[in-house]
Amino acid sequence: MADIWATQSQHIACLQDPPGVQLYVKVSTVRKGGIELPVYKCARDSTSLESFHNHLARFIPGINHLHI
C-alpha cells in the first residue's frame, strides 16, 4: 500500500486548484428548505460529474440556480 501511495501522491497537485488562484465566484443565493445557500460559478470547465449533479439538482423541490 505504501508503494501505491508513493506513486499516486505525486499526482495530487494535478487534481488540486492552484494555490492562490480564486476559481470560484459567488454569483447568487438560493433558498432550499428555508435555508439560504450560496451559488458559485467556477472558472474551470465543468466535468461530466458536475453536469450530472446539476441534473440531480433539478429533482430537489424548490427554486434552484437554474431558475435565476
N, C-alpha and C. Protein backbone atom coordinates (compact mmCIF):
# COMPACT_ATOMS: atom_id res chain seq x y z
N MET A 1 0.82 -1.19 0.00
CA MET A 1 0.00 0.00 0.00
C MET A 1 0.87 1.25 0.00
N ALA A 2 1.97 1.23 0.73
CA ALA A 2 2.86 2.40 0.78
C ALA A 2 3.44 2.70 -0.59
N ASP A 3 3.73 1.66 -1.36
CA ASP A 3 4.26 1.86 -2.72
C ASP A 3 3.23 2.53 -3.61
N ILE A 4 1.99 2.09 -3.49
CA ILE A 4 0.91 2.68 -4.30
C ILE A 4 0.74 4.15 -3.92
N TRP A 5 0.71 4.45 -2.62
CA TRP A 5 0.56 5.84 -2.18
C TRP A 5 1.72 6.69 -2.66
N ALA A 6 2.93 6.17 -2.60
CA ALA A 6 4.10 6.93 -3.05
C ALA A 6 3.98 7.30 -4.52
N THR A 7 3.44 6.40 -5.32
CA THR A 7 3.26 6.68 -6.75
C THR A 7 2.11 7.65 -6.98
N GLN A 8 0.96 7.37 -6.37
CA GLN A 8 -0.24 8.16 -6.64
C GLN A 8 -0.19 9.55 -6.01
N SER A 9 0.47 9.70 -4.89
CA SER A 9 0.52 11.01 -4.23
C SER A 9 1.26 12.05 -5.06
N GLN A 10 2.04 11.62 -6.03
CA GLN A 10 2.73 12.55 -6.92
C GLN A 10 1.74 13.30 -7.81
N HIS A 11 0.55 12.76 -7.97
CA HIS A 11 -0.45 13.35 -8.87
C HIS A 11 -1.44 14.27 -8.17
N ILE A 12 -1.34 14.42 -6.87
CA ILE A 12 -2.29 15.25 -6.13
C ILE A 12 -2.29 16.69 -6.66
N ALA A 13 -1.13 17.22 -6.96
CA ALA A 13 -1.05 18.60 -7.47
C ALA A 13 -1.80 18.75 -8.78
N CYS A 14 -1.92 17.69 -9.56
CA CYS A 14 -2.65 17.75 -10.83
C CYS A 14 -4.15 17.89 -10.60
N LEU A 15 -4.63 17.46 -9.45
CA LEU A 15 -6.05 17.46 -9.16
C LEU A 15 -6.52 18.65 -8.34
N GLN A 16 -5.60 19.29 -7.65
CA GLN A 16 -5.96 20.41 -6.78
C GLN A 16 -5.98 21.72 -7.56
N ASP A 17 -6.75 22.68 -7.04
CA ASP A 17 -6.73 24.02 -7.60
C ASP A 17 -5.38 24.65 -7.30
N PRO A 18 -4.87 25.48 -8.21
CA PRO A 18 -3.58 26.13 -7.96
C PRO A 18 -3.65 27.02 -6.71
N PRO A 19 -2.62 26.98 -5.87
CA PRO A 19 -2.64 27.83 -4.67
C PRO A 19 -2.67 29.31 -5.03
N GLY A 20 -3.49 30.06 -4.32
CA GLY A 20 -3.56 31.50 -4.53
C GLY A 20 -4.40 31.94 -5.71
N VAL A 21 -5.03 31.00 -6.42
CA VAL A 21 -5.86 31.35 -7.58
C VAL A 21 -7.32 31.14 -7.21
N GLN A 22 -8.11 32.20 -7.29
CA GLN A 22 -9.53 32.14 -6.95
C GLN A 22 -10.30 31.61 -8.15
N LEU A 23 -10.80 30.38 -8.07
CA LEU A 23 -11.52 29.78 -9.19
C LEU A 23 -13.04 29.83 -9.02
N TYR A 24 -13.51 30.15 -7.82
CA TYR A 24 -14.95 30.19 -7.57
C TYR A 24 -15.38 31.60 -7.20
N VAL A 25 -16.49 32.03 -7.80
CA VAL A 25 -17.06 33.34 -7.53
C VAL A 25 -18.52 33.15 -7.14
N LYS A 26 -18.91 33.74 -6.03
CA LYS A 26 -20.31 33.66 -5.61
C LYS A 26 -21.14 34.54 -6.54
N VAL A 27 -22.15 33.93 -7.18
CA VAL A 27 -22.95 34.68 -8.15
C VAL A 27 -24.35 35.01 -7.64
N SER A 28 -24.85 34.21 -6.69
CA SER A 28 -26.18 34.47 -6.15
C SER A 28 -26.41 33.56 -4.95
N THR A 29 -27.64 33.53 -4.49
CA THR A 29 -28.04 32.60 -3.44
C THR A 29 -29.37 31.97 -3.83
N VAL A 30 -29.65 30.81 -3.27
CA VAL A 30 -30.94 30.15 -3.45
C VAL A 30 -31.43 29.73 -2.07
N ARG A 31 -32.74 29.58 -1.95
CA ARG A 31 -33.33 29.14 -0.69
C ARG A 31 -33.86 27.73 -0.90
N LYS A 32 -33.36 26.80 -0.09
CA LYS A 32 -33.81 25.39 -0.13
C LYS A 32 -34.20 24.99 1.28
N GLY A 33 -35.44 24.57 1.45
CA GLY A 33 -35.90 24.13 2.77
C GLY A 33 -35.76 25.20 3.82
N GLY A 34 -35.93 26.46 3.43
CA GLY A 34 -35.84 27.56 4.38
C GLY A 34 -34.42 27.99 4.70
N ILE A 35 -33.45 27.43 4.02
CA ILE A 35 -32.04 27.78 4.26
C ILE A 35 -31.48 28.49 3.03
N GLU A 36 -30.82 29.60 3.25
CA GLU A 36 -30.20 30.37 2.17
C GLU A 36 -28.84 29.74 1.85
N LEU A 37 -28.65 29.34 0.59
CA LEU A 37 -27.41 28.69 0.16
C LEU A 37 -26.73 29.51 -0.92
N PRO A 38 -25.40 29.60 -0.90
CA PRO A 38 -24.70 30.33 -1.95
C PRO A 38 -24.65 29.53 -3.25
N VAL A 39 -24.64 30.23 -4.38
CA VAL A 39 -24.44 29.63 -5.69
C VAL A 39 -23.13 30.17 -6.24
N TYR A 40 -22.25 29.27 -6.62
CA TYR A 40 -20.93 29.67 -7.11
C TYR A 40 -20.78 29.33 -8.58
N LYS A 41 -19.98 30.12 -9.27
CA LYS A 41 -19.59 29.82 -10.65
C LYS A 41 -18.10 29.53 -10.62
N CYS A 42 -17.71 28.50 -11.36
CA CYS A 42 -16.31 28.09 -11.38
C CYS A 42 -15.66 28.55 -12.67
N ALA A 43 -14.41 28.98 -12.57
CA ALA A 43 -13.67 29.46 -13.74
C ALA A 43 -13.26 28.32 -14.65
N ARG A 44 -13.15 27.10 -14.11
CA ARG A 44 -12.77 25.99 -14.99
C ARG A 44 -14.01 25.39 -15.63
N ASP A 45 -13.78 24.63 -16.67
CA ASP A 45 -14.89 23.96 -17.35
C ASP A 45 -15.54 22.95 -16.41
N SER A 46 -16.80 22.67 -16.66
CA SER A 46 -17.47 21.67 -15.83
C SER A 46 -17.17 20.28 -16.37
N THR A 47 -17.21 19.32 -15.49
CA THR A 47 -16.97 17.93 -15.86
C THR A 47 -18.30 17.22 -16.03
N SER A 48 -18.25 16.02 -16.53
CA SER A 48 -19.49 15.25 -16.68
C SER A 48 -20.11 14.97 -15.31
N LEU A 49 -19.28 14.80 -14.28
CA LEU A 49 -19.82 14.57 -12.93
C LEU A 49 -20.56 15.81 -12.44
N GLU A 50 -20.00 16.99 -12.68
CA GLU A 50 -20.69 18.22 -12.27
C GLU A 50 -21.99 18.38 -13.04
N SER A 51 -21.99 18.02 -14.31
CA SER A 51 -23.21 18.09 -15.11
C SER A 51 -24.27 17.15 -14.55
N PHE A 52 -23.82 15.98 -14.11
CA PHE A 52 -24.75 15.02 -13.51
C PHE A 52 -25.35 15.58 -12.23
N HIS A 53 -24.54 16.24 -11.41
CA HIS A 53 -25.06 16.83 -10.17
C HIS A 53 -26.04 17.96 -10.48
N ASN A 54 -25.79 18.73 -11.53
CA ASN A 54 -26.76 19.76 -11.93
C ASN A 54 -28.09 19.11 -12.33
N HIS A 55 -27.99 17.98 -13.01
CA HIS A 55 -29.20 17.24 -13.40
C HIS A 55 -29.96 16.79 -12.15
N LEU A 56 -29.24 16.28 -11.15
CA LEU A 56 -29.89 15.84 -9.92
C LEU A 56 -30.54 17.01 -9.18
N ALA A 57 -29.93 18.18 -9.25
CA ALA A 57 -30.46 19.35 -8.54
C ALA A 57 -31.85 19.72 -9.05
N ARG A 58 -32.16 19.38 -10.28
CA ARG A 58 -33.48 19.69 -10.82
C ARG A 58 -34.59 18.93 -10.11
N PHE A 59 -34.23 17.81 -9.47
CA PHE A 59 -35.23 17.00 -8.80
C PHE A 59 -35.45 17.41 -7.35
N ILE A 60 -34.63 18.33 -6.84
CA ILE A 60 -34.80 18.81 -5.47
C ILE A 60 -35.90 19.87 -5.50
N PRO A 61 -36.92 19.72 -4.67
CA PRO A 61 -38.02 20.69 -4.69
C PRO A 61 -37.56 22.10 -4.38
N GLY A 62 -38.22 23.05 -4.98
CA GLY A 62 -37.91 24.46 -4.73
C GLY A 62 -37.19 25.08 -5.91
N ILE A 63 -36.83 26.32 -5.73
CA ILE A 63 -36.14 27.07 -6.78
C ILE A 63 -34.64 26.84 -6.62
N ASN A 64 -33.97 26.56 -7.73
CA ASN A 64 -32.52 26.40 -7.68
C ASN A 64 -31.85 27.39 -8.62
N HIS A 65 -30.55 27.26 -8.79
CA HIS A 65 -29.79 28.22 -9.59
C HIS A 65 -30.24 28.25 -11.04
N LEU A 66 -30.92 27.22 -11.53
CA LEU A 66 -31.38 27.21 -12.91
C LEU A 66 -32.55 28.16 -13.13
N HIS A 67 -33.22 28.56 -12.06
CA HIS A 67 -34.35 29.47 -12.17
C HIS A 67 -33.93 30.94 -12.10
N ILE A 68 -32.67 31.18 -11.82
CA ILE A 68 -32.21 32.55 -11.61
C ILE A 68 -31.64 33.11 -12.90
